[in-house]
Amino acid sequence: MNTDTHRWTRGMTNPENSQSTSSIRVHLCSSVAKMLCVGTLAIGAAGVLPACNALPTGLADEAVGPYDRPFPAELAQTETLDIQVIRRPETRITMTNTTARSFGPSTVWLNGRFSRPIDGFRAGQTLTLDLYDFRDEFGETFRAGGFFATKAPEKIMHAQLETIVDGDSRMIGLVMVDQDDIR
């Protein structure tokens, strides 16, 4: 390495140019910083702009599934029957109709948001339903938990049965049995 070049790289004045290397370094660093900022912004915009066209599941023009609909708030709960709802294991519920009444095609509602149709519910019958089959009006599934779940399971605070009684739609309350062991 020649001594003039060595002095120039250590911060001395370039013999061919009167500009010092420290000012060249500052200019070079600010140019690199500007390029990095512009590149980062371009990459960020490229990642965000396609997402602007992606709509959440529920904002589509059509329902996502055959029973995605909002909770019928206009139906007041008329009574609570001795139909017990037990959550065991974590991702299923078991319902036992201990009444003398049978029900035709109905919809089971959880937490006033998630629903699942059932074909019927006879007196004395026990149904076991998978919580992943319950959907809300946007097609979102009930957060049931389970071994591979990435989020804590949602508790069932309220269970209801929407059914037809004497030709009218009715909302009937169900009895939730303790689920304290669900975390």
N, C-alpha and C. Protein backbone atom coordinates (compact mmCIF):
# COMPACT_ATOMS: atom_id res chain seq x y z
N MET A 1 0.84 -1.17 0.00
CA MET A 1 0.00 0.00 0.00
C MET A 1 0.88 1.23 0.00
N ASN A 2 0.59 2.15 -0.82
CA ASN A 2 1.39 3.36 -0.94
C ASN A 2 1.08 4.30 0.22
N THR A 3 2.06 5.07 0.65
CA THR A 3 1.90 5.91 1.84
C THR A 3 0.87 7.01 1.64
N ASP A 4 0.73 7.55 0.42
CA ASP A 4 -0.28 8.58 0.19
C ASP A 4 -1.69 7.99 0.36
N THR A 5 -1.90 6.80 -0.16
CA THR A 5 -3.19 6.14 -0.02
C THR A 5 -3.45 5.81 1.43
N HIS A 6 -2.41 5.35 2.14
CA HIS A 6 -2.55 5.01 3.55
C HIS A 6 -2.96 6.23 4.37
N ARG A 7 -2.31 7.38 4.13
CA ARG A 7 -2.66 8.61 4.84
C ARG A 7 -4.08 9.03 4.51
N TRP A 8 -4.49 8.87 3.27
CA TRP A 8 -5.83 9.28 2.84
C TRP A 8 -6.90 8.45 3.54
N THR A 9 -6.68 7.14 3.70
CA THR A 9 -7.66 6.28 4.35
C THR A 9 -7.71 6.51 5.85
N ARG A 10 -6.67 7.09 6.45
CA ARG A 10 -6.67 7.33 7.90
C ARG A 10 -7.21 8.71 8.24
N GLY A 11 -7.80 9.42 7.28
CA GLY A 11 -8.40 10.69 7.59
C GLY A 11 -7.60 11.89 7.13
N MET A 12 -6.51 11.66 6.46
CA MET A 12 -5.70 12.76 5.96
C MET A 12 -6.33 13.28 4.69
N THR A 13 -5.83 14.34 4.18
CA THR A 13 -6.35 14.95 2.97
C THR A 13 -5.91 14.16 1.75
N ASN A 14 -6.83 13.96 0.82
CA ASN A 14 -6.53 13.26 -0.42
C ASN A 14 -5.66 14.17 -1.27
N PRO A 15 -4.54 13.69 -1.73
CA PRO A 15 -3.66 14.55 -2.53
C PRO A 15 -4.31 15.00 -3.83
N GLU A 16 -5.25 14.22 -4.41
CA GLU A 16 -5.88 14.60 -5.66
C GLU A 16 -7.10 15.47 -5.45
N ASN A 17 -7.60 15.49 -4.27
CA ASN A 17 -8.82 16.24 -3.98
C ASN A 17 -8.64 16.89 -2.63
N SER A 18 -8.99 18.11 -2.48
CA SER A 18 -8.76 18.82 -1.23
C SER A 18 -9.81 18.48 -0.17
N GLN A 19 -10.81 17.68 -0.51
CA GLN A 19 -11.86 17.32 0.43
C GLN A 19 -11.35 16.23 1.38
N SER A 20 -11.62 16.36 2.70
CA SER A 20 -11.14 15.38 3.66
C SER A 20 -12.02 14.13 3.62
N THR A 21 -11.45 13.03 4.06
CA THR A 21 -12.21 11.78 4.04
C THR A 21 -13.34 11.79 5.04
N SER A 22 -13.24 12.55 6.10
CA SER A 22 -14.34 12.58 7.08
C SER A 22 -15.58 13.19 6.46
N SER A 23 -15.44 14.20 5.62
CA SER A 23 -16.62 14.77 4.97
C SER A 23 -17.16 13.82 3.90
N ILE A 24 -16.28 13.06 3.27
CA ILE A 24 -16.72 12.07 2.28
C ILE A 24 -17.49 10.97 3.00
N ARG A 25 -16.98 10.54 4.15
CA ARG A 25 -17.66 9.50 4.92
C ARG A 25 -19.04 9.97 5.36
N VAL A 26 -19.16 11.21 5.83
CA VAL A 26 -20.45 11.74 6.28
C VAL A 26 -21.42 11.76 5.11
N HIS A 27 -20.95 12.25 3.95
CA HIS A 27 -21.81 12.31 2.77
C HIS A 27 -22.25 10.90 2.34
N LEU A 28 -21.29 9.97 2.36
CA LEU A 28 -21.57 8.59 1.98
C LEU A 28 -22.56 7.95 2.97
N CYS A 29 -22.36 8.18 4.27
CA CYS A 29 -23.26 7.60 5.28
C CYS A 29 -24.66 8.17 5.16
N SER A 30 -24.80 9.46 4.92
CA SER A 30 -26.14 10.02 4.80
C SER A 30 -26.83 9.51 3.55
N SER A 31 -26.08 9.28 2.47
CA SER A 31 -26.66 8.73 1.25
C SER A 31 -27.13 7.29 1.47
N VAL A 32 -26.33 6.50 2.16
CA VAL A 32 -26.70 5.12 2.46
C VAL A 32 -27.91 5.09 3.38
N ALA A 33 -27.93 5.98 4.37
CA ALA A 33 -29.07 6.04 5.29
C ALA A 33 -30.35 6.39 4.54
N LYS A 34 -30.28 7.34 3.60
CA LYS A 34 -31.45 7.70 2.82
C LYS A 34 -31.93 6.52 1.98
N MET A 35 -30.99 5.80 1.37
CA MET A 35 -31.36 4.65 0.55
C MET A 35 -32.01 3.57 1.42
N LEU A 36 -31.48 3.35 2.62
CA LEU A 36 -32.06 2.35 3.52
C LEU A 36 -33.47 2.76 3.94
N CYS A 37 -33.67 4.04 4.24
CA CYS A 37 -35.01 4.51 4.64
C CYS A 37 -36.01 4.34 3.50
N VAL A 38 -35.60 4.73 2.29
CA VAL A 38 -36.49 4.60 1.14
C VAL A 38 -36.78 3.13 0.86
N GLY A 39 -35.77 2.29 0.96
CA GLY A 39 -35.96 0.85 0.74
C GLY A 39 -36.90 0.24 1.76
N THR A 40 -36.73 0.62 3.03
CA THR A 40 -37.60 0.12 4.09
C THR A 40 -39.03 0.56 3.87
N LEU A 41 -39.23 1.82 3.51
CA LEU A 41 -40.58 2.31 3.24
C LEU A 41 -41.21 1.59 2.05
N ALA A 42 -40.43 1.34 1.01
CA ALA A 42 -40.94 0.65 -0.17
C ALA A 42 -41.36 -0.78 0.17
N ILE A 43 -40.54 -1.45 0.95
CA ILE A 43 -40.87 -2.83 1.35
C ILE A 43 -42.10 -2.83 2.24
N GLY A 44 -42.18 -1.90 3.17
CA GLY A 44 -43.34 -1.80 4.05
C GLY A 44 -44.60 -1.51 3.27
N ALA A 45 -44.54 -0.59 2.31
CA ALA A 45 -45.71 -0.26 1.49
C ALA A 45 -46.12 -1.46 0.64
N ALA A 46 -45.15 -2.19 0.13
CA ALA A 46 -45.47 -3.36 -0.68
C ALA A 46 -46.20 -4.42 0.14
N GLY A 47 -45.88 -4.49 1.44
CA GLY A 47 -46.55 -5.45 2.29
C GLY A 47 -47.92 -5.00 2.73
N VAL A 48 -48.13 -3.70 2.86
CA VAL A 48 -49.39 -3.16 3.37
C VAL A 48 -50.42 -2.97 2.27
N LEU A 49 -50.00 -2.50 1.13
CA LEU A 49 -50.95 -2.18 0.06
C LEU A 49 -51.79 -3.37 -0.39
N PRO A 50 -51.23 -4.56 -0.59
CA PRO A 50 -52.10 -5.68 -0.96
C PRO A 50 -53.13 -6.00 0.13
N ALA A 51 -52.78 -5.74 1.38
CA ALA A 51 -53.71 -6.03 2.47
C ALA A 51 -54.89 -5.06 2.48
N CYS A 52 -54.76 -3.92 1.81
CA CYS A 52 -55.87 -2.97 1.77
C CYS A 52 -57.08 -3.56 1.05
N ASN A 53 -56.86 -4.46 0.13
CA ASN A 53 -57.96 -5.08 -0.61
C ASN A 53 -58.52 -6.30 0.08
N ALA A 54 -57.82 -6.82 1.08
CA ALA A 54 -58.27 -8.02 1.78
C ALA A 54 -59.30 -7.63 2.82
N LEU A 55 -60.50 -8.15 2.71
CA LEU A 55 -61.57 -7.85 3.66
C LEU A 55 -61.61 -8.91 4.74
N PRO A 56 -61.98 -8.53 5.97
CA PRO A 56 -62.19 -9.56 6.98
C PRO A 56 -63.28 -10.52 6.51
N THR A 57 -63.25 -11.71 7.03
CA THR A 57 -64.18 -12.76 6.61
C THR A 57 -65.62 -12.29 6.56
N GLY A 58 -66.05 -11.56 7.58
CA GLY A 58 -67.44 -11.19 7.71
C GLY A 58 -67.90 -10.08 6.80
N LEU A 59 -67.00 -9.40 6.12
CA LEU A 59 -67.41 -8.28 5.28
C LEU A 59 -67.63 -8.70 3.83
N ALA A 60 -67.60 -9.97 3.59
CA ALA A 60 -67.88 -10.46 2.24
C ALA A 60 -69.36 -10.26 1.91
N ASP A 61 -69.71 -10.29 0.63
CA ASP A 61 -71.10 -10.08 0.22
C ASP A 61 -72.00 -11.25 0.58
N GLU A 62 -71.44 -12.44 0.70
CA GLU A 62 -72.23 -13.63 0.99
C GLU A 62 -71.85 -14.20 2.34
N ALA A 63 -72.76 -14.93 2.93
CA ALA A 63 -72.45 -15.60 4.19
C ALA A 63 -71.37 -16.64 3.95
N VAL A 64 -70.55 -16.87 4.95
CA VAL A 64 -69.43 -17.79 4.81
C VAL A 64 -69.89 -19.23 4.87
N GLY A 65 -70.87 -19.51 5.69
CA GLY A 65 -71.36 -20.87 5.84
C GLY A 65 -72.87 -20.91 5.81
N PRO A 66 -73.44 -22.09 5.94
CA PRO A 66 -74.89 -22.22 5.83
C PRO A 66 -75.67 -21.62 7.01
N TYR A 67 -75.02 -21.36 8.13
CA TYR A 67 -75.76 -20.83 9.27
C TYR A 67 -75.09 -19.63 9.92
N ASP A 68 -74.30 -18.89 9.16
CA ASP A 68 -73.67 -17.67 9.67
C ASP A 68 -74.72 -16.56 9.68
N ARG A 69 -75.18 -16.20 10.85
CA ARG A 69 -76.18 -15.14 10.95
C ARG A 69 -76.05 -14.47 12.31
N PRO A 70 -76.53 -13.23 12.42
CA PRO A 70 -76.44 -12.55 13.71
C PRO A 70 -77.43 -13.14 14.72
N PHE A 71 -77.12 -12.93 15.97
CA PHE A 71 -77.99 -13.38 17.05
C PHE A 71 -79.33 -12.65 16.93
N PRO A 72 -80.45 -13.37 17.03
CA PRO A 72 -81.77 -12.74 16.90
C PRO A 72 -82.15 -11.98 18.18
N ALA A 73 -81.66 -10.76 18.31
CA ALA A 73 -81.89 -9.96 19.52
C ALA A 73 -83.36 -9.66 19.75
N GLU A 74 -84.15 -9.71 18.67
CA GLU A 74 -85.59 -9.42 18.81
C GLU A 74 -86.34 -10.53 19.55
N LEU A 75 -85.73 -11.70 19.67
CA LEU A 75 -86.36 -12.81 20.41
C LEU A 75 -85.94 -12.76 21.87
N ALA A 76 -86.87 -12.44 22.73
CA ALA A 76 -86.57 -12.43 24.16
C ALA A 76 -86.62 -13.87 24.68
N GLN A 77 -85.78 -14.15 25.64
CA GLN A 77 -85.79 -15.49 26.25
C GLN A 77 -87.07 -15.62 27.07
N THR A 78 -87.87 -16.62 26.75
CA THR A 78 -89.17 -16.77 27.40
C THR A 78 -89.11 -17.62 28.66
N GLU A 79 -88.18 -18.57 28.72
CA GLU A 79 -88.10 -19.47 29.87
C GLU A 79 -86.73 -20.14 29.89
N THR A 80 -86.42 -20.77 30.98
CA THR A 80 -85.20 -21.58 31.11
C THR A 80 -85.64 -22.99 31.46
N LEU A 81 -85.18 -23.93 30.65
CA LEU A 81 -85.55 -25.33 30.87
C LEU A 81 -84.39 -26.11 31.48
N ASP A 82 -84.72 -27.27 32.06
CA ASP A 82 -83.70 -28.11 32.67
C ASP A 82 -83.01 -28.96 31.60
N ILE A 83 -82.35 -28.23 30.71
CA ILE A 83 -81.50 -28.88 29.70
C ILE A 83 -80.09 -28.47 30.07
N GLN A 84 -79.31 -29.42 30.53
CA GLN A 84 -77.98 -29.12 31.05
C GLN A 84 -76.93 -29.15 29.95
N VAL A 85 -76.05 -28.15 29.97
CA VAL A 85 -74.96 -28.04 29.02
C VAL A 85 -73.66 -28.17 29.81
N ILE A 86 -72.88 -29.21 29.48
CA ILE A 86 -71.63 -29.48 30.19
C ILE A 86 -70.50 -29.44 29.17
N ARG A 87 -69.44 -28.75 29.51
CA ARG A 87 -68.28 -28.66 28.61
C ARG A 87 -67.20 -29.63 29.08
N ARG A 88 -67.15 -30.79 28.44
CA ARG A 88 -66.12 -31.79 28.73
C ARG A 88 -66.03 -32.71 27.55
N PRO A 89 -64.91 -33.00 27.02
CA PRO A 89 -63.65 -32.32 27.27
C PRO A 89 -63.72 -30.87 26.80
N GLU A 90 -62.61 -30.22 26.80
CA GLU A 90 -62.55 -28.78 26.55
C GLU A 90 -63.19 -28.33 25.24
N THR A 91 -63.11 -29.12 24.20
CA THR A 91 -63.56 -28.68 22.88
C THR A 91 -64.96 -29.15 22.50
N ARG A 92 -65.71 -29.72 23.44
CA ARG A 92 -67.06 -30.21 23.15
C ARG A 92 -68.02 -29.82 24.26
N ILE A 93 -69.30 -29.77 23.90
CA ILE A 93 -70.33 -29.63 24.92
C ILE A 93 -71.26 -30.83 24.81
N THR A 94 -71.79 -31.24 25.94
CA THR A 94 -72.77 -32.30 26.00
C THR A 94 -74.04 -31.70 26.58
N MET A 95 -75.15 -31.88 25.86
CA MET A 95 -76.44 -31.35 26.29
C MET A 95 -77.37 -32.53 26.56
N THR A 96 -78.03 -32.51 27.70
CA THR A 96 -78.97 -33.56 28.05
C THR A 96 -80.34 -32.93 28.28
N ASN A 97 -81.31 -33.37 27.51
CA ASN A 97 -82.67 -32.87 27.63
C ASN A 97 -83.39 -33.70 28.69
N THR A 98 -83.44 -33.17 29.90
CA THR A 98 -84.09 -33.90 31.00
C THR A 98 -85.55 -33.48 31.17
N THR A 99 -86.09 -32.79 30.18
CA THR A 99 -87.50 -32.39 30.23
C THR A 99 -88.35 -33.44 29.52
N ALA A 100 -89.65 -33.27 29.57
CA ALA A 100 -90.57 -34.16 28.87
C ALA A 100 -90.90 -33.62 27.48
N ARG A 101 -90.28 -32.51 27.08
CA ARG A 101 -90.55 -31.88 25.79
C ARG A 101 -89.52 -32.28 24.75
N SER A 102 -89.98 -32.45 23.54
CA SER A 102 -89.09 -32.69 22.39
C SER A 102 -89.12 -31.45 21.51
N PHE A 103 -88.02 -31.21 20.81
CA PHE A 103 -87.91 -30.05 19.94
C PHE A 103 -87.55 -30.50 18.53
N GLY A 104 -88.11 -29.83 17.55
CA GLY A 104 -87.78 -30.10 16.15
C GLY A 104 -86.48 -29.39 15.79
N PRO A 105 -86.27 -29.14 14.51
CA PRO A 105 -85.06 -28.43 14.09
C PRO A 105 -84.90 -27.12 14.86
N SER A 106 -83.72 -26.92 15.43
CA SER A 106 -83.46 -25.77 16.30
C SER A 106 -82.04 -25.27 16.07
N THR A 107 -81.73 -24.18 16.74
CA THR A 107 -80.37 -23.63 16.71
C THR A 107 -79.89 -23.44 18.14
N VAL A 108 -78.69 -23.93 18.44
CA VAL A 108 -78.08 -23.73 19.75
C VAL A 108 -77.21 -22.48 19.65
N TRP A 109 -77.39 -21.56 20.59
CA TRP A 109 -76.62 -20.31 20.64
C TRP A 109 -75.73 -20.30 21.88
N LEU A 110 -74.47 -19.90 21.69
CA LEU A 110 -73.53 -19.76 22.81
C LEU A 110 -73.11 -18.30 22.92
N ASN A 111 -73.18 -17.78 24.12
CA ASN A 111 -72.75 -16.41 24.43
C ASN A 111 -73.43 -15.34 23.58
N GLY A 112 -74.60 -15.64 23.05
CA GLY A 112 -75.33 -14.67 22.25
C GLY A 112 -74.59 -14.28 20.98
N ARG A 113 -73.72 -15.16 20.49
CA ARG A 113 -72.92 -14.85 19.30
C ARG A 113 -72.74 -16.04 18.37
N PHE A 114 -72.38 -17.19 18.91
CA PHE A 114 -72.05 -18.35 18.10
C PHE A 114 -73.24 -19.30 18.02
N SER A 115 -73.50 -19.84 16.83
CA SER A 115 -74.65 -20.72 16.67
C SER A 115 -74.29 -21.98 15.91
N ARG A 116 -75.15 -22.97 16.09
CA ARG A 116 -75.03 -24.23 15.35
C ARG A 116 -76.42 -24.86 15.28
N PRO A 117 -76.88 -25.20 14.07
CA PRO A 117 -78.19 -25.83 13.96
C PRO A 117 -78.12 -27.30 14.40
N ILE A 118 -79.24 -27.77 14.91
CA ILE A 118 -79.38 -29.20 15.23
C ILE A 118 -80.67 -29.68 14.58
N ASP A 119 -80.73 -30.96 14.26
CA ASP A 119 -81.90 -31.53 13.57
C ASP A 119 -83.11 -31.64 14.49
N GLY A 120 -82.89 -31.81 15.73
CA GLY A 120 -83.96 -31.96 16.70
C GLY A 120 -83.37 -32.36 18.03
N PHE A 121 -84.21 -32.36 19.08
CA PHE A 121 -83.73 -32.68 20.42
C PHE A 121 -84.89 -33.32 21.19
N ARG A 122 -84.88 -34.64 21.25
CA ARG A 122 -85.96 -35.39 21.88
C ARG A 122 -85.84 -35.38 23.41
N ALA A 123 -86.93 -35.62 24.06
CA ALA A 123 -86.92 -35.74 25.53
C ALA A 123 -86.02 -36.91 25.92
N GLY A 124 -85.14 -36.69 26.89
CA GLY A 124 -84.22 -37.72 27.36
C GLY A 124 -82.98 -37.89 26.50
N GLN A 125 -82.87 -37.20 25.39
CA GLN A 125 -81.73 -37.35 24.48
C GLN A 125 -80.52 -36.58 24.99
N THR A 126 -79.34 -37.11 24.69
CA THR A 126 -78.07 -36.43 24.98
C THR A 126 -77.36 -36.17 23.66
N LEU A 127 -76.99 -34.92 23.44
CA LEU A 127 -76.25 -34.53 22.24
C LEU A 127 -74.84 -34.11 22.63
N THR A 128 -73.86 -34.49 21.84
CA THR A 128 -72.50 -34.00 22.01
C THR A 128 -72.14 -33.21 20.76
N LEU A 129 -71.78 -31.95 20.96
CA LEU A 129 -71.48 -31.04 19.85
C LEU A 129 -70.06 -30.53 19.95
N ASP A 130 -69.38 -30.50 18.82
CA ASP A 130 -68.02 -29.97 18.75
C ASP A 130 -68.09 -28.45 18.75
N LEU A 131 -67.36 -27.80 19.63
CA LEU A 131 -67.39 -26.33 19.72
C LEU A 131 -66.83 -25.66 18.48
N TYR A 132 -65.98 -26.36 17.73
CA TYR A 132 -65.43 -25.78 16.50
C TYR A 132 -66.50 -25.66 15.40
N ASP A 133 -67.65 -26.31 15.58
CA ASP A 133 -68.74 -26.21 14.61
C ASP A 133 -69.61 -24.97 14.82
N PHE A 134 -69.42 -24.27 15.94
CA PHE A 134 -70.20 -23.07 16.21
C PHE A 134 -69.56 -21.88 15.50
N ARG A 135 -70.40 -21.08 14.82
CA ARG A 135 -69.93 -19.93 14.03
C ARG A 135 -70.72 -18.69 14.42
N ASP A 136 -70.08 -17.53 14.22
CA ASP A 136 -70.81 -16.28 14.39
C ASP A 136 -71.23 -15.76 13.02
N GLU A 137 -71.82 -14.59 12.98
CA GLU A 137 -72.34 -14.05 11.72
C GLU A 137 -71.25 -13.76 10.70
N PHE A 138 -69.99 -13.67 11.14
CA PHE A 138 -68.88 -13.40 10.23
C PHE A 138 -68.12 -14.65 9.83
N GLY A 139 -68.60 -15.82 10.27
CA GLY A 139 -67.94 -17.07 9.93
C GLY A 139 -66.81 -17.44 10.87
N GLU A 140 -66.60 -16.65 11.93
CA GLU A 140 -65.55 -16.96 12.90
C GLU A 140 -66.00 -18.15 13.75
N THR A 141 -65.07 -19.03 14.08
CA THR A 141 -65.39 -20.19 14.91
C THR A 141 -65.23 -19.85 16.38
N PHE A 142 -65.92 -20.60 17.20
CA PHE A 142 -65.80 -20.46 18.65
C PHE A 142 -64.38 -20.83 19.04
N ARG A 143 -63.75 -20.04 19.90
CA ARG A 143 -62.38 -20.33 20.35
C ARG A 143 -62.46 -21.39 21.44
N ALA A 144 -62.39 -22.65 21.01
CA ALA A 144 -62.63 -23.78 21.90
C ALA A 144 -61.42 -24.20 22.71
N GLY A 145 -60.23 -23.88 22.25
CA GLY A 145 -59.03 -24.33 22.95
C GLY A 145 -58.56 -25.65 22.40
N GLY A 146 -58.00 -26.47 23.25
CA GLY A 146 -57.46 -27.75 22.83
C GLY A 146 -55.95 -27.76 22.92
N PHE A 147 -55.36 -28.90 22.64
CA PHE A 147 -53.92 -29.08 22.81
C PHE A 147 -53.09 -28.13 21.94
N PHE A 148 -53.49 -27.92 20.69
CA PHE A 148 -52.71 -27.11 19.77
C PHE A 148 -53.19 -25.65 19.71
N ALA A 149 -54.08 -25.25 20.58
CA ALA A 149 -54.62 -23.88 20.56
C ALA A 149 -53.53 -22.87 20.87
N THR A 150 -53.54 -21.76 20.13
CA THR A 150 -52.57 -20.70 20.36
C THR A 150 -53.12 -19.62 21.28
N LYS A 151 -54.43 -19.64 21.53
CA LYS A 151 -55.05 -18.66 22.42
C LYS A 151 -55.85 -19.39 23.50
N ALA A 152 -56.09 -18.70 24.59
CA ALA A 152 -56.88 -19.29 25.68
C ALA A 152 -58.30 -19.56 25.20
N PRO A 153 -58.91 -20.65 25.66
CA PRO A 153 -60.27 -20.96 25.23
C PRO A 153 -61.27 -19.94 25.77
N GLU A 154 -62.31 -19.71 25.00
CA GLU A 154 -63.38 -18.81 25.41
C GLU A 154 -64.33 -19.56 26.33
N LYS A 155 -64.74 -18.90 27.40
CA LYS A 155 -65.71 -19.54 28.31
C LYS A 155 -67.11 -19.42 27.74
N ILE A 156 -67.93 -20.39 28.08
CA ILE A 156 -69.34 -20.34 27.69
C ILE A 156 -70.08 -19.74 28.88
N MET A 157 -70.59 -18.55 28.68
CA MET A 157 -71.29 -17.85 29.75
C MET A 157 -72.80 -18.04 29.67
N HIS A 158 -73.28 -18.32 28.45
CA HIS A 158 -74.72 -18.34 28.24
C HIS A 158 -75.03 -19.31 27.10
N ALA A 159 -75.97 -20.18 27.30
CA ALA A 159 -76.39 -21.12 26.25
C ALA A 159 -77.90 -21.03 26.09
N GLN A 160 -78.36 -20.98 24.83
CA GLN A 160 -79.78 -20.87 24.54
C GLN A 160 -80.15 -21.76 23.36
N LEU A 161 -81.43 -22.07 23.29
CA LEU A 161 -81.96 -22.88 22.20
C LEU A 161 -83.03 -22.06 21.49
N GLU A 162 -82.80 -21.79 20.20
CA GLU A 162 -83.81 -21.10 19.39
C GLU A 162 -84.61 -22.18 18.67
N THR A 163 -85.90 -22.18 18.88
CA THR A 163 -86.74 -23.23 18.32
C THR A 163 -88.13 -22.69 18.01
N ILE A 164 -88.93 -23.52 17.40
CA ILE A 164 -90.32 -23.16 17.07
C ILE A 164 -91.23 -23.80 18.12
N VAL A 165 -92.05 -22.99 18.78
CA VAL A 165 -93.02 -23.48 19.76
C VAL A 165 -94.37 -22.91 19.37
N ASP A 166 -95.32 -23.77 19.10
CA ASP A 166 -96.68 -23.37 18.69
C ASP A 166 -96.65 -22.42 17.48
N GLY A 167 -95.78 -22.68 16.55
CA GLY A 167 -95.70 -21.91 15.32
C GLY A 167 -94.92 -20.61 15.43
N ASP A 168 -94.41 -20.26 16.60
CA ASP A 168 -93.62 -19.03 16.79
C ASP A 168 -92.18 -19.37 17.17
N SER A 169 -91.26 -18.52 16.70
CA SER A 169 -89.86 -18.68 17.12
C SER A 169 -89.73 -18.27 18.58
N ARG A 170 -89.02 -19.09 19.35
CA ARG A 170 -88.81 -18.81 20.77
C ARG A 170 -87.34 -19.01 21.11
N MET A 171 -86.90 -18.27 22.12
CA MET A 171 -85.55 -18.43 22.66
C MET A 171 -85.70 -19.01 24.06
N ILE A 172 -85.09 -20.17 24.28
CA ILE A 172 -85.20 -20.88 25.55
C ILE A 172 -83.82 -20.96 26.19
N GLY A 173 -83.75 -20.61 27.47
CA GLY A 173 -82.49 -20.67 28.19
C GLY A 173 -82.13 -22.09 28.57
N LEU A 174 -80.84 -22.38 28.58
CA LEU A 174 -80.33 -23.69 28.97
C LEU A 174 -79.48 -23.52 30.23
N VAL A 175 -79.28 -24.58 30.97
CA VAL A 175 -78.52 -24.52 32.23
C VAL A 175 -77.06 -24.88 31.96
N MET A 176 -76.17 -23.91 32.21
CA MET A 176 -74.73 -24.16 32.07
C MET A 176 -74.20 -24.78 33.36
N VAL A 177 -73.55 -25.91 33.25
CA VAL A 177 -72.96 -26.58 34.40
C VAL A 177 -71.53 -26.06 34.53
N ASP A 178 -71.04 -25.99 35.77
CA ASP A 178 -69.74 -25.42 36.11
C ASP A 178 -68.63 -25.85 35.14
N GLN A 179 -67.82 -24.87 34.75
CA GLN A 179 -66.70 -25.14 33.84
C GLN A 179 -65.43 -24.44 34.35
N ASP A 180 -65.24 -24.40 35.65
CA ASP A 180 -64.09 -23.71 36.24
C ASP A 180 -62.75 -24.31 35.85
N ASP A 181 -62.75 -25.57 35.45
CA ASP A 181 -61.48 -26.20 35.08
C ASP A 181 -61.01 -25.79 33.69
N ILE A 182 -61.84 -25.04 32.93
CA ILE A 182 -61.44 -24.54 31.62
C ILE A 182 -60.65 -23.26 31.83
N ARG A 183 -59.40 -23.23 31.37
CA ARG A 183 -58.56 -22.04 31.58
C ARG A 183 -58.61 -21.14 30.40
